[in-house]
Amino acid sequence: RLPGRQRDMVATMRGDGGSDYDESVKGRFTISRDTVKNSWYL
């Protein structure tokens, strides 16, 4: 949630491992996960 904005997607990862990014963060942000720990990271 940026100032004055609603909550928007930054990055998502599907169960099959595929990911999507907002255009504003592509190339700068990376989403990853650890399925054993039920954790994900940005």
Full PDB file with SEQRES, HELIX, SHEET, SSBOND, CRYST1, ORIGX, SCALE, CONECT and MASTER records, all heavy atoms in Angstrom:
SEQRES   1 A   42  ARG LEU PRO GLY ARG GLN ARG ASP MET VAL ALA THR MET          
SEQRES   2 A   42  ARG GLY ASP GLY GLY SER ASP TYR ASP GLU SER VAL LYS          
SEQRES   3 A   42  GLY ARG PHE THR ILE SER ARG ASP THR VAL LYS ASN SER          
SEQRES   4 A   42  TRP TYR LEU                                                  
HELIX    1 AA1 GLU A   23  VAL A   25  5                                   3    
SHEET    1 AA1 2 ALA A  11  MET A  13  0                                        
SHEET    2 AA1 2 SER A  19  TYR A  21 -1                                        
SHEET    1 AA2 2 SER A  32  ASP A  34  0                                        
SHEET    2 AA2 2 SER A  39  TYR A  41 -1                                        
CRYST1    1.000    1.000    1.000  90.00  90.00  90.00 P 1           1          
ORIGX1      1.000000  0.000000  0.000000        0.00000                         
ORIGX2      0.000000  1.000000  0.000000        0.00000                         
ORIGX3      0.000000  0.000000  1.000000        0.00000                         
SCALE1      1.000000  0.000000  0.000000        0.00000                         
SCALE2      0.000000  1.000000  0.000000        0.00000                         
SCALE3      0.000000  0.000000  1.000000        0.00000                         
ATOM      1  N   ARG A   1       0.878  -1.174   0.000  1.00  0.00           N  
ATOM      2  CA  ARG A   1       0.000   0.000   0.000  1.00  0.00           C  
ATOM      3  C   ARG A   1       0.910   1.217   0.000  1.00  0.00           C  
ATOM      4  O   ARG A   1       1.553   1.517   1.017  1.00  0.00           O  
ATOM      5  CB  ARG A   1      -0.930   0.002   1.198  1.00  0.00           C  
ATOM      6  CG  ARG A   1      -1.831   1.236   1.240  1.00  0.00           C  
ATOM      7  CD  ARG A   1      -2.849   1.149   2.342  1.00  0.00           C  
ATOM      8  NE  ARG A   1      -3.947   0.281   1.987  1.00  0.00           N  
ATOM      9  CZ  ARG A   1      -4.383  -0.727   2.744  1.00  0.00           C  
ATOM     10  NH1 ARG A   1      -3.807  -0.983   3.892  1.00  0.00           N  
ATOM     11  NH2 ARG A   1      -5.399  -1.454   2.350  1.00  0.00           N  
ATOM     12  N   LEU A   2       0.992   1.836  -1.131  1.00  0.00           N  
ATOM     13  CA  LEU A   2       1.770   3.074  -1.238  1.00  0.00           C  
ATOM     14  C   LEU A   2       0.934   4.227  -0.718  1.00  0.00           C  
ATOM     15  O   LEU A   2      -0.301   4.124  -0.678  1.00  0.00           O  
ATOM     16  CB  LEU A   2       2.178   3.296  -2.690  1.00  0.00           C  
ATOM     17  CG  LEU A   2       2.971   2.159  -3.356  1.00  0.00           C  
ATOM     18  CD1 LEU A   2       3.316   2.531  -4.789  1.00  0.00           C  
ATOM     19  CD2 LEU A   2       4.219   1.829  -2.573  1.00  0.00           C  
ATOM     20  N   PRO A   3       1.555   5.327  -0.315  1.00  0.00           N  
ATOM     21  CA  PRO A   3       0.798   6.467   0.222  1.00  0.00           C  
ATOM     22  C   PRO A   3      -0.300   6.921  -0.730  1.00  0.00           C  
ATOM     23  O   PRO A   3      -0.061   7.161  -1.917  1.00  0.00           O  
ATOM     24  CB  PRO A   3       1.878   7.543   0.386  1.00  0.00           C  
ATOM     25  CG  PRO A   3       3.134   6.775   0.612  1.00  0.00           C  
ATOM     26  CD  PRO A   3       3.010   5.552  -0.244  1.00  0.00           C  
ATOM     27  N   GLY A   4      -1.518   6.984  -0.221  1.00  0.00           N  
ATOM     28  CA  GLY A   4      -2.640   7.450  -1.025  1.00  0.00           C  
ATOM     29  C   GLY A   4      -3.177   6.429  -2.007  1.00  0.00           C  
ATOM     30  O   GLY A   4      -4.047   6.760  -2.823  1.00  0.00           O  
ATOM     31  N   ARG A   5      -2.668   5.206  -1.941  1.00  0.00           N  
ATOM     32  CA  ARG A   5      -3.100   4.180  -2.890  1.00  0.00           C  
ATOM     33  C   ARG A   5      -3.737   3.019  -2.150  1.00  0.00           C  
ATOM     34  O   ARG A   5      -3.572   2.831  -0.956  1.00  0.00           O  
ATOM     35  CB  ARG A   5      -1.894   3.661  -3.668  1.00  0.00           C  
ATOM     36  CG  ARG A   5      -1.154   4.690  -4.499  1.00  0.00           C  
ATOM     37  CD  ARG A   5      -1.785   4.889  -5.851  1.00  0.00           C  
ATOM     38  NE  ARG A   5      -1.955   3.659  -6.580  1.00  0.00           N  
ATOM     39  CZ  ARG A   5      -1.075   3.175  -7.456  1.00  0.00           C  
ATOM     40  NH1 ARG A   5       0.053   3.841  -7.688  1.00  0.00           N  
ATOM     41  NH2 ARG A   5      -1.330   2.055  -8.108  1.00  0.00           N  
ATOM     42  N   GLN A   6      -4.469   2.204  -2.878  1.00  0.00           N  
ATOM     43  CA  GLN A   6      -4.988   0.971  -2.313  1.00  0.00           C  
ATOM     44  C   GLN A   6      -3.878  -0.076  -2.336  1.00  0.00           C  
ATOM     45  O   GLN A   6      -2.818   0.138  -2.912  1.00  0.00           O  
ATOM     46  CB  GLN A   6      -6.185   0.483  -3.111  1.00  0.00           C  
ATOM     47  CG  GLN A   6      -5.844   0.101  -4.556  1.00  0.00           C  
ATOM     48  CD  GLN A   6      -7.065  -0.328  -5.338  1.00  0.00           C  
ATOM     49  OE1 GLN A   6      -8.206  -0.073  -4.947  1.00  0.00           O  
ATOM     50  NE2 GLN A   6      -6.854  -0.991  -6.451  1.00  0.00           N  
ATOM     51  N   ARG A   7      -4.151  -1.218  -1.736  1.00  0.00           N  
ATOM     52  CA  ARG A   7      -3.157  -2.288  -1.720  1.00  0.00           C  
ATOM     53  C   ARG A   7      -3.068  -2.918  -3.104  1.00  0.00           C  
ATOM     54  O   ARG A   7      -4.070  -3.354  -3.666  1.00  0.00           O  
ATOM     55  CB  ARG A   7      -3.542  -3.322  -0.663  1.00  0.00           C  
ATOM     56  CG  ARG A   7      -2.529  -4.428  -0.471  1.00  0.00           C  
ATOM     57  CD  ARG A   7      -2.701  -5.120   0.868  1.00  0.00           C  
ATOM     58  NE  ARG A   7      -4.055  -5.531   1.139  1.00  0.00           N  
ATOM     59  CZ  ARG A   7      -4.467  -5.985   2.325  1.00  0.00           C  
ATOM     60  NH1 ARG A   7      -3.606  -6.072   3.333  1.00  0.00           N  
ATOM     61  NH2 ARG A   7      -5.716  -6.332   2.493  1.00  0.00           N  
ATOM     62  N   ASP A   8      -1.865  -2.980  -3.640  1.00  0.00           N  
ATOM     63  CA  ASP A   8      -1.634  -3.494  -4.988  1.00  0.00           C  
ATOM     64  C   ASP A   8      -0.666  -4.660  -4.964  1.00  0.00           C  
ATOM     65  O   ASP A   8       0.183  -4.767  -4.068  1.00  0.00           O  
ATOM     66  CB  ASP A   8      -1.048  -2.398  -5.891  1.00  0.00           C  
ATOM     67  CG  ASP A   8      -2.008  -1.250  -6.122  1.00  0.00           C  
ATOM     68  OD1 ASP A   8      -3.201  -1.521  -6.356  1.00  0.00           O  
ATOM     69  OD2 ASP A   8      -1.565  -0.082  -6.070  1.00  0.00           O  
ATOM     70  N   MET A   9      -0.767  -5.498  -5.978  1.00  0.00           N  
ATOM     71  CA  MET A   9       0.131  -6.638  -6.100  1.00  0.00           C  
ATOM     72  C   MET A   9       1.529  -6.181  -6.443  1.00  0.00           C  
ATOM     73  O   MET A   9       1.714  -5.310  -7.295  1.00  0.00           O  
ATOM     74  CB  MET A   9      -0.398  -7.593  -7.161  1.00  0.00           C  
ATOM     75  CG  MET A   9       0.397  -8.892  -7.310  1.00  0.00           C  
ATOM     76  SD  MET A   9       1.812  -8.805  -8.428  1.00  0.00           S  
ATOM     77  CE  MET A   9       0.975  -8.869 -10.017  1.00  0.00           C  
ATOM     78  N   VAL A  10       2.527  -6.767  -5.791  1.00  0.00           N  
ATOM     79  CA  VAL A  10       3.926  -6.542  -6.122  1.00  0.00           C  
ATOM     80  C   VAL A  10       4.474  -7.756  -6.855  1.00  0.00           C  
ATOM     81  O   VAL A  10       5.045  -7.641  -7.935  1.00  0.00           O  
ATOM     82  CB  VAL A  10       4.758  -6.270  -4.857  1.00  0.00           C  
ATOM     83  CG1 VAL A  10       6.233  -6.118  -5.199  1.00  0.00           C  
ATOM     84  CG2 VAL A  10       4.252  -5.031  -4.134  1.00  0.00           C  
ATOM     85  N   ALA A  11       4.319  -8.924  -6.250  1.00  0.00           N  
ATOM     86  CA  ALA A  11       4.818 -10.166  -6.839  1.00  0.00           C  
ATOM     87  C   ALA A  11       4.023 -11.322  -6.275  1.00  0.00           C  
ATOM     88  O   ALA A  11       3.677 -11.315  -5.093  1.00  0.00           O  
ATOM     89  CB  ALA A  11       6.308 -10.353  -6.545  1.00  0.00           C  
ATOM     90  N   THR A  12       3.744 -12.292  -7.122  1.00  0.00           N  
ATOM     91  CA  THR A  12       3.047 -13.491  -6.672  1.00  0.00           C  
ATOM     92  C   THR A  12       3.732 -14.734  -7.227  1.00  0.00           C  
ATOM     93  O   THR A  12       4.389 -14.682  -8.273  1.00  0.00           O  
ATOM     94  CB  THR A  12       1.575 -13.499  -7.107  1.00  0.00           C  
ATOM     95  OG1 THR A  12       1.503 -13.399  -8.536  1.00  0.00           O  
ATOM     96  CG2 THR A  12       0.791 -12.359  -6.478  1.00  0.00           C  
ATOM     97  N   MET A  13       3.552 -15.827  -6.500  1.00  0.00           N  
ATOM     98  CA  MET A  13       4.072 -17.108  -6.959  1.00  0.00           C  
ATOM     99  C   MET A  13       2.984 -18.154  -6.813  1.00  0.00           C  
ATOM    100  O   MET A  13       2.392 -18.293  -5.731  1.00  0.00           O  
ATOM    101  CB  MET A  13       5.320 -17.509  -6.166  1.00  0.00           C  
ATOM    102  CG  MET A  13       5.896 -18.850  -6.602  1.00  0.00           C  
ATOM    103  SD  MET A  13       7.486 -19.210  -5.806  1.00  0.00           S  
ATOM    104  CE  MET A  13       8.591 -18.176  -6.783  1.00  0.00           C  
ATOM    105  N   ARG A  14       2.717 -18.865  -7.884  1.00  0.00           N  
ATOM    106  CA  ARG A  14       1.698 -19.898  -7.875  1.00  0.00           C  
ATOM    107  C   ARG A  14       2.248 -21.190  -7.280  1.00  0.00           C  
ATOM    108  O   ARG A  14       3.461 -21.344  -7.096  1.00  0.00           O  
ATOM    109  CB  ARG A  14       1.199 -20.145  -9.295  1.00  0.00           C  
ATOM    110  CG  ARG A  14       0.550 -18.913  -9.921  1.00  0.00           C  
ATOM    111  CD  ARG A  14       0.056 -19.216 -11.317  1.00  0.00           C  
ATOM    112  NE  ARG A  14       1.155 -19.503 -12.241  1.00  0.00           N  
ATOM    113  CZ  ARG A  14       1.874 -18.589 -12.859  1.00  0.00           C  
ATOM    114  NH1 ARG A  14       1.638 -17.314 -12.633  1.00  0.00           N  
ATOM    115  NH2 ARG A  14       2.836 -18.935 -13.680  1.00  0.00           N  
ATOM    116  N   GLY A  15       1.368 -22.137  -7.025  1.00  0.00           N  
ATOM    117  CA  GLY A  15       1.786 -23.404  -6.464  1.00  0.00           C  
ATOM    118  C   GLY A  15       2.769 -24.155  -7.346  1.00  0.00           C  
ATOM    119  O   GLY A  15       3.620 -24.902  -6.845  1.00  0.00           O  
ATOM    120  N   ASP A  16       2.670 -23.918  -8.681  1.00  0.00           N  
ATOM    121  CA  ASP A  16       3.592 -24.615  -9.604  1.00  0.00           C  
ATOM    122  C   ASP A  16       4.933 -23.905  -9.732  1.00  0.00           C  
ATOM    123  O   ASP A  16       5.794 -24.323 -10.487  1.00  0.00           O  
ATOM    124  CB  ASP A  16       2.939 -24.761 -10.986  1.00  0.00           C  
ATOM    125  CG  ASP A  16       2.654 -23.415 -11.655  1.00  0.00           C  
ATOM    126  OD1 ASP A  16       3.011 -22.373 -11.093  1.00  0.00           O  
ATOM    127  OD2 ASP A  16       2.055 -23.420 -12.751  1.00  0.00           O  
ATOM    128  N   GLY A  17       5.106 -22.811  -9.009  1.00  0.00           N  
ATOM    129  CA  GLY A  17       6.372 -22.090  -9.020  1.00  0.00           C  
ATOM    130  C   GLY A  17       6.420 -20.910  -9.967  1.00  0.00           C  
ATOM    131  O   GLY A  17       7.391 -20.143  -9.946  1.00  0.00           O  
ATOM    132  N   GLY A  18       5.402 -20.760 -10.815  1.00  0.00           N  
ATOM    133  CA  GLY A  18       5.380 -19.627 -11.719  1.00  0.00           C  
ATOM    134  C   GLY A  18       5.155 -18.327 -10.966  1.00  0.00           C  
ATOM    135  O   GLY A  18       4.447 -18.299  -9.955  1.00  0.00           O  
ATOM    136  N   SER A  19       5.765 -17.257 -11.439  1.00  0.00           N  
ATOM    137  CA  SER A  19       5.682 -15.986 -10.729  1.00  0.00           C  
ATOM    138  C   SER A  19       5.254 -14.862 -11.657  1.00  0.00           C  
ATOM    139  O   SER A  19       5.423 -14.940 -12.874  1.00  0.00           O  
ATOM    140  CB  SER A  19       7.019 -15.649 -10.070  1.00  0.00           C  
ATOM    141  OG  SER A  19       8.050 -15.597 -11.028  1.00  0.00           O  
ATOM    142  N   ASP A  20       4.709 -13.830 -11.050  1.00  0.00           N  
ATOM    143  CA  ASP A  20       4.307 -12.629 -11.766  1.00  0.00           C  
ATOM    144  C   ASP A  20       4.753 -11.412 -10.965  1.00  0.00           C  
ATOM    145  O   ASP A  20       4.782 -11.464  -9.731  1.00  0.00           O  
ATOM    146  CB  ASP A  20       2.788 -12.592 -11.950  1.00  0.00           C  
ATOM    147  CG  ASP A  20       2.293 -13.695 -12.856  1.00  0.00           C  
ATOM    148  OD1 ASP A  20       2.554 -13.611 -14.075  1.00  0.00           O  
ATOM    149  OD2 ASP A  20       1.674 -14.639 -12.340  1.00  0.00           O  
ATOM    150  N   TYR A  21       5.037 -10.335 -11.675  1.00  0.00           N  
ATOM    151  CA  TYR A  21       5.505  -9.121 -11.034  1.00  0.00           C  
ATOM    152  C   TYR A  21       4.766  -7.909 -11.587  1.00  0.00           C  
ATOM    153  O   TYR A  21       4.412  -7.865 -12.773  1.00  0.00           O  
ATOM    154  CB  TYR A  21       7.003  -8.914 -11.280  1.00  0.00           C  
ATOM    155  CG  TYR A  21       7.886  -9.964 -10.660  1.00  0.00           C  
ATOM    156  CD1 TYR A  21       8.226 -11.120 -11.348  1.00  0.00           C  
ATOM    157  CD2 TYR A  21       8.381  -9.790  -9.377  1.00  0.00           C  
ATOM    158  CE1 TYR A  21       9.030 -12.079 -10.775  1.00  0.00           C  
ATOM    159  CE2 TYR A  21       9.200 -10.742  -8.790  1.00  0.00           C  
ATOM    160  CZ  TYR A  21       9.520 -11.892  -9.496  1.00  0.00           C  
ATOM    161  OH  TYR A  21      10.319 -12.842  -8.926  1.00  0.00           O  
ATOM    162  N   ASP A  22       4.599  -6.929 -10.723  1.00  0.00           N  
ATOM    163  CA  ASP A  22       4.142  -5.639 -11.204  1.00  0.00           C  
ATOM    164  C   ASP A  22       5.252  -5.050 -12.069  1.00  0.00           C  
ATOM    165  O   ASP A  22       6.439  -5.234 -11.788  1.00  0.00           O  
ATOM    166  CB  ASP A  22       3.838  -4.721 -10.020  1.00  0.00           C  
ATOM    167  CG  ASP A  22       3.345  -3.373 -10.470  1.00  0.00           C  
ATOM    168  OD1 ASP A  22       2.175  -3.282 -10.891  1.00  0.00           O  
ATOM    169  OD2 ASP A  22       4.124  -2.407 -10.415  1.00  0.00           O  
ATOM    170  N   GLU A  23       4.850  -4.318 -13.107  1.00  0.00           N  
ATOM    171  CA  GLU A  23       5.839  -3.763 -14.033  1.00  0.00           C  
ATOM    172  C   GLU A  23       6.848  -2.867 -13.332  1.00  0.00           C  
ATOM    173  O   GLU A  23       8.015  -2.808 -13.724  1.00  0.00           O  
ATOM    174  CB  GLU A  23       5.127  -2.974 -15.131  1.00  0.00           C  
ATOM    175  CG  GLU A  23       4.442  -3.835 -16.184  1.00  0.00           C  
ATOM    176  CD  GLU A  23       5.432  -4.621 -17.027  1.00  0.00           C  
ATOM    177  OE1 GLU A  23       6.551  -4.118 -17.232  1.00  0.00           O  
ATOM    178  OE2 GLU A  23       5.093  -5.738 -17.450  1.00  0.00           O  
ATOM    179  N   SER A  24       6.419  -2.187 -12.296  1.00  0.00           N  
ATOM    180  CA  SER A  24       7.301  -1.220 -11.639  1.00  0.00           C  
ATOM    181  C   SER A  24       8.455  -1.870 -10.872  1.00  0.00           C  
ATOM    182  O   SER A  24       9.410  -1.181 -10.515  1.00  0.00           O  
ATOM    183  CB  SER A  24       6.490  -0.342 -10.687  1.00  0.00           C  
ATOM    184  OG  SER A  24       5.992  -1.106  -9.600  1.00  0.00           O  
ATOM    185  N   VAL A  25       8.360  -3.169 -10.624  1.00  0.00           N  
ATOM    186  CA  VAL A  25       9.410  -3.840  -9.843  1.00  0.00           C  
ATOM    187  C   VAL A  25      10.156  -4.904 -10.639  1.00  0.00           C  
ATOM    188  O   VAL A  25      11.110  -5.499 -10.123  1.00  0.00           O  
ATOM    189  CB  VAL A  25       8.836  -4.467  -8.551  1.00  0.00           C  
ATOM    190  CG1 VAL A  25       8.066  -3.430  -7.743  1.00  0.00           C  
ATOM    191  CG2 VAL A  25       7.968  -5.683  -8.858  1.00  0.00           C  
ATOM    192  N   LYS A  26       9.737  -5.149 -11.868  1.00  0.00           N  
ATOM    193  CA  LYS A  26      10.406  -6.172 -12.680  1.00  0.00           C  
ATOM    194  C   LYS A  26      11.885  -5.842 -12.833  1.00  0.00           C  
ATOM    195  O   LYS A  26      12.252  -4.703 -13.120  1.00  0.00           O  
ATOM    196  CB  LYS A  26       9.753  -6.269 -14.055  1.00  0.00           C  
ATOM    197  CG  LYS A  26       8.487  -7.103 -14.076  1.00  0.00           C  
ATOM    198  CD  LYS A  26       7.959  -7.251 -15.495  1.00  0.00           C  
ATOM    199  CE  LYS A  26       6.716  -8.120 -15.517  1.00  0.00           C  
ATOM    200  NZ  LYS A  26       6.154  -8.247 -16.890  1.00  0.00           N  
ATOM    201  N   GLY A  27      12.722  -6.864 -12.623  1.00  0.00           N  
ATOM    202  CA  GLY A  27      14.164  -6.669 -12.725  1.00  0.00           C  
ATOM    203  C   GLY A  27      14.808  -6.168 -11.442  1.00  0.00           C  
ATOM    204  O   GLY A  27      16.035  -6.152 -11.337  1.00  0.00           O  
ATOM    205  N   ARG A  28      14.000  -5.744 -10.471  1.00  0.00           N  
ATOM    206  CA  ARG A  28      14.553  -5.247  -9.204  1.00  0.00           C  
ATOM    207  C   ARG A  28      14.155  -6.137  -8.021  1.00  0.00           C  
ATOM    208  O   ARG A  28      14.923  -6.297  -7.074  1.00  0.00           O  
ATOM    209  CB  ARG A  28      14.068  -3.822  -8.924  1.00  0.00           C  
ATOM    210  CG  ARG A  28      14.490  -2.811  -9.964  1.00  0.00           C  
ATOM    211  CD  ARG A  28      14.167  -1.375  -9.509  1.00  0.00           C  
ATOM    212  NE  ARG A  28      12.748  -1.154  -9.309  1.00  0.00           N  
ATOM    213  CZ  ARG A  28      12.208  -0.729  -8.171  1.00  0.00           C  
ATOM    214  NH1 ARG A  28      12.978  -0.496  -7.119  1.00  0.00           N  
ATOM    215  NH2 ARG A  28      10.903  -0.539  -8.081  1.00  0.00           N  
ATOM    216  N   PHE A  29      12.949  -6.677  -8.058  1.00  0.00           N  
ATOM    217  CA  PHE A  29      12.435  -7.503  -6.966  1.00  0.00           C  
ATOM    218  C   PHE A  29      12.352  -8.954  -7.423  1.00  0.00           C  
ATOM    219  O   PHE A  29      12.060  -9.236  -8.594  1.00  0.00           O  
ATOM    220  CB  PHE A  29      11.050  -7.052  -6.542  1.00  0.00           C  
ATOM    221  CG  PHE A  29      10.976  -5.704  -5.885  1.00  0.00           C  
ATOM    222  CD1 PHE A  29      12.047  -4.837  -5.841  1.00  0.00           C  
ATOM    223  CD2 PHE A  29       9.791  -5.293  -5.291  1.00  0.00           C  
ATOM    224  CE1 PHE A  29      11.978  -3.600  -5.236  1.00  0.00           C  
ATOM    225  CE2 PHE A  29       9.685  -4.053  -4.672  1.00  0.00           C  
ATOM    226  CZ  PHE A  29      10.788  -3.210  -4.655  1.00  0.00           C  
ATOM    227  N   THR A  30      12.568  -9.869  -6.486  1.00  0.00           N  
ATOM    228  CA  THR A  30      12.476 -11.295  -6.780  1.00  0.00           C  
ATOM    229  C   THR A  30      11.721 -12.002  -5.657  1.00  0.00           C  
ATOM    230  O   THR A  30      12.090 -11.862  -4.486  1.00  0.00           O  
ATOM    231  CB  THR A  30      13.867 -11.928  -6.913  1.00  0.00           C  
ATOM    232  OG1 THR A  30      14.623 -11.238  -7.914  1.00  0.00           O  
ATOM    233  CG2 THR A  30      13.744 -13.400  -7.311  1.00  0.00           C  
ATOM    234  N   ILE A  31      10.704 -12.737  -6.042  1.00  0.00           N  
ATOM    235  CA  ILE A  31       9.972 -13.545  -5.069  1.00  0.00           C  
ATOM    236  C   ILE A  31      10.531 -14.968  -5.094  1.00  0.00           C  
ATOM    237  O   ILE A  31      10.866 -15.495  -6.163  1.00  0.00           O  
ATOM    238  CB  ILE A  31       8.457 -13.540  -5.355  1.00  0.00           C  
ATOM    239  CG1 ILE A  31       7.695 -14.236  -4.223  1.00  0.00           C  
ATOM    240  CG2 ILE A  31       8.127 -14.133  -6.718  1.00  0.00           C  
ATOM    241  CD1 ILE A  31       6.173 -14.081  -4.323  1.00  0.00           C  
ATOM    242  N   SER A  32      10.654 -15.568  -3.928  1.00  0.00           N  
ATOM    243  CA  SER A  32      11.124 -16.947  -3.832  1.00  0.00           C  
ATOM    244  C   SER A  32      10.406 -17.609  -2.667  1.00  0.00           C  
ATOM    245  O   SER A  32       9.716 -16.936  -1.885  1.00  0.00           O  
ATOM    246  CB  SER A  32      12.636 -16.995  -3.640  1.00  0.00           C  
ATOM    247  OG  SER A  32      13.019 -16.360  -2.435  1.00  0.00           O  
ATOM    248  N   ARG A  33      10.575 -18.902  -2.551  1.00  0.00           N  
ATOM    249  CA  ARG A  33       9.863 -19.607  -1.494  1.00  0.00           C  
ATOM    250  C   ARG A  33      10.690 -20.769  -0.968  1.00  0.00           C  
ATOM    251  O   ARG A  33      11.613 -21.254  -1.624  1.00  0.00           O  
ATOM    252  CB  ARG A  33       8.523 -20.147  -2.006  1.00  0.00           C  
ATOM    253  CG  ARG A  33       8.691 -21.230  -3.067  1.00  0.00           C  
ATOM    254  CD  ARG A  33       7.357 -21.724  -3.574  1.00  0.00           C  
ATOM    255  NE  ARG A  33       7.533 -22.745  -4.602  1.00  0.00           N  
ATOM    256  CZ  ARG A  33       6.524 -23.348  -5.222  1.00  0.00           C  
ATOM    257  NH1 ARG A  33       5.278 -23.029  -4.923  1.00  0.00           N  
ATOM    258  NH2 ARG A  33       6.774 -24.263  -6.139  1.00  0.00           N  
ATOM    259  N   ASP A  34      10.343 -21.204   0.213  1.00  0.00           N  
ATOM    260  CA  ASP A  34      10.870 -22.425   0.809  1.00  0.00           C  
ATOM    261  C   ASP A  34       9.645 -23.227   1.226  1.00  0.00           C  
ATOM    262  O   ASP A  34       9.027 -22.935   2.268  1.00  0.00           O  
ATOM    263  CB  ASP A  34      11.760 -22.085   2.007  1.00  0.00           C  
ATOM    264  CG  ASP A  34      12.417 -23.313   2.622  1.00  0.00           C  
ATOM    265  OD1 ASP A  34      11.816 -24.414   2.541  1.00  0.00           O  
ATOM    266  OD2 ASP A  34      13.496 -23.174   3.188  1.00  0.00           O  
ATOM    267  N   THR A  35       9.269 -24.210   0.434  1.00  0.00           N  
ATOM    268  CA  THR A  35       8.033 -24.943   0.696  1.00  0.00           C  
ATOM    269  C   THR A  35       8.125 -25.776   1.974  1.00  0.00           C  
ATOM    270  O   THR A  35       7.112 -26.025   2.623  1.00  0.00           O  
ATOM    271  CB  THR A  35       7.683 -25.855  -0.482  1.00  0.00           C  
ATOM    272  OG1 THR A  35       8.793 -26.715  -0.760  1.00  0.00           O  
ATOM    273  CG2 THR A  35       7.365 -25.042  -1.725  1.00  0.00           C  
ATOM    274  N   VAL A  36       9.326 -26.184   2.338  1.00  0.00           N  
ATOM    275  CA  VAL A  36       9.484 -26.969   3.567  1.00  0.00           C  
ATOM    276  C   VAL A  36       9.151 -26.111   4.784  1.00  0.00           C  
ATOM    277  O   VAL A  36       8.523 -26.564   5.742  1.00  0.00           O  
ATOM    278  CB  VAL A  36      10.914 -27.531   3.670  1.00  0.00           C  
ATOM    279  CG1 VAL A  36      11.126 -28.216   5.018  1.00  0.00           C  
ATOM    280  CG2 VAL A  36      11.182 -28.501   2.532  1.00  0.00           C  
ATOM    281  N   LYS A  37       9.567 -24.861   4.740  1.00  0.00           N  
ATOM    282  CA  LYS A  37       9.332 -23.956   5.864  1.00  0.00           C  
ATOM    283  C   LYS A  37       8.013 -23.192   5.728  1.00  0.00           C  
ATOM    284  O   LYS A  37       7.694 -22.385   6.604  1.00  0.00           O  
ATOM    285  CB  LYS A  37      10.482 -22.950   5.970  1.00  0.00           C  
ATOM    286  CG  LYS A  37      11.825 -23.583   6.290  1.00  0.00           C  
ATOM    287  CD  LYS A  37      12.911 -22.515   6.379  1.00  0.00           C  
ATOM    288  CE  LYS A  37      14.258 -23.131   6.733  1.00  0.00           C  
ATOM    289  NZ  LYS A  37      15.327 -22.105   6.813  1.00  0.00           N  
ATOM    290  N   ASN A  38       7.263 -23.424   4.635  1.00  0.00           N  
ATOM    291  CA  ASN A  38       6.041 -22.636   4.384  1.00  0.00           C  
ATOM    292  C   ASN A  38       6.352 -21.142   4.459  1.00  0.00           C  
ATOM    293  O   ASN A  38       5.616 -20.367   5.092  1.00  0.00           O  
ATOM    294  CB  ASN A  38       4.933 -23.012   5.359  1.00  0.00           C  
ATOM    295  CG  ASN A  38       4.275 -24.326   5.006  1.00  0.00           C  
ATOM    296  OD1 ASN A  38       4.106 -24.655   3.836  1.00  0.00           O  
ATOM    297  ND2 ASN A  38       3.919 -25.105   6.015  1.00  0.00           N  
ATOM    298  N   SER A  39       7.444 -20.773   3.836  1.00  0.00           N  
ATOM    299  CA  SER A  39       7.897 -19.397   3.859  1.00  0.00           C  
ATOM    300  C   SER A  39       8.117 -18.888   2.444  1.00  0.00           C  
ATOM    301  O   SER A  39       8.429 -19.669   1.546  1.00  0.00           O  
ATOM    302  CB  SER A  39       9.192 -19.267   4.658  1.00  0.00           C  
ATOM    303  OG  SER A  39       9.004 -19.621   6.010  1.00  0.00           O  
ATOM    304  N   TRP A  40       7.962 -17.601   2.274  1.00  0.00           N  
ATOM    305  CA  TRP A  40       8.323 -16.975   1.011  1.00  0.00           C  
ATOM    306  C   TRP A  40       8.949 -15.627   1.298  1.00  0.00           C  
ATOM    307  O   TRP A  40       8.791 -15.072   2.390  1.00  0.00           O  
ATOM    308  CB  TRP A  40       7.152 -16.893   0.044  1.00  0.00           C  
ATOM    309  CG  TRP A  40       5.902 -16.214   0.497  1.00  0.00           C  
ATOM    310  CD1 TRP A  40       5.495 -14.944   0.190  1.00  0.00           C  
ATOM    311  CD2 TRP A  40       4.857 -16.781   1.295  1.00  0.00           C  
ATOM    312  NE1 TRP A  40       4.278 -14.709   0.763  1.00  0.00           N  
ATOM    313  CE2 TRP A  40       3.857 -15.807   1.433  1.00  0.00           C  
ATOM    314  CE3 TRP A  40       4.670 -18.022   1.909  1.00  0.00           C  
ATOM    315  CZ2 TRP A  40       2.690 -16.037   2.159  1.00  0.00           C  
ATOM    316  CZ3 TRP A  40       3.504 -18.248   2.625  1.00  0.00           C  
ATOM    317  CH2 TRP A  40       2.541 -17.262   2.739  1.00  0.00           C  
ATOM    318  N   TYR A  41       9.657 -15.143   0.281  1.00  0.00           N  
ATOM    319  CA  TYR A  41      10.527 -14.002   0.482  1.00  0.00           C  
ATOM    320  C   TYR A  41      10.387 -13.028  -0.667  1.00  0.00           C  
ATOM    321  O   TYR A  41       9.998 -13.398  -1.769  1.00  0.00           O  
ATOM    322  CB  TYR A  41      11.983 -14.483   0.569  1.00  0.00           C  
ATOM    323  CG  TYR A  41      12.161 -15.663   1.503  1.00  0.00           C  
ATOM    324  CD1 TYR A  41      12.140 -16.959   1.010  1.00  0.00           C  
ATOM    325  CD2 TYR A  41      12.304 -15.469   2.872  1.00  0.00           C  
ATOM    326  CE1 TYR A  41      12.258 -18.048   1.861  1.00  0.00           C  
ATOM    327  CE2 TYR A  41      12.430 -16.551   3.729  1.00  0.00           C  
ATOM    328  CZ  TYR A  41      12.405 -17.837   3.221  1.00  0.00           C  
ATOM    329  OH  TYR A  41      12.517 -18.916   4.071  1.00  0.00           O  
ATOM    330  N   LEU A  42      10.740 -11.795  -0.398  1.00  0.00           N  
ATOM    331  CA  LEU A  42      10.797 -10.780  -1.443  1.00  0.00           C  
ATOM    332  C   LEU A  42      12.146 -10.089  -1.324  1.00  0.00           C  
ATOM    333  O   LEU A  42      12.380  -9.343  -0.366  1.00  0.00           O  
ATOM    334  CB  LEU A  42       9.663  -9.770  -1.314  1.00  0.00           C  
ATOM    335  CG  LEU A  42       9.582  -8.758  -2.451  1.00  0.00           C  
ATOM    336  CD1 LEU A  42       9.193  -9.450  -3.763  1.00  0.00           C  
ATOM    337  CD2 LEU A  42       8.591  -7.637  -2.134  1.00  0.00           C  
TER     338      LEU A  42                                                      
MASTER        0    0    0    1    4    0    0    6  337    1    0    4          
END                                                                             
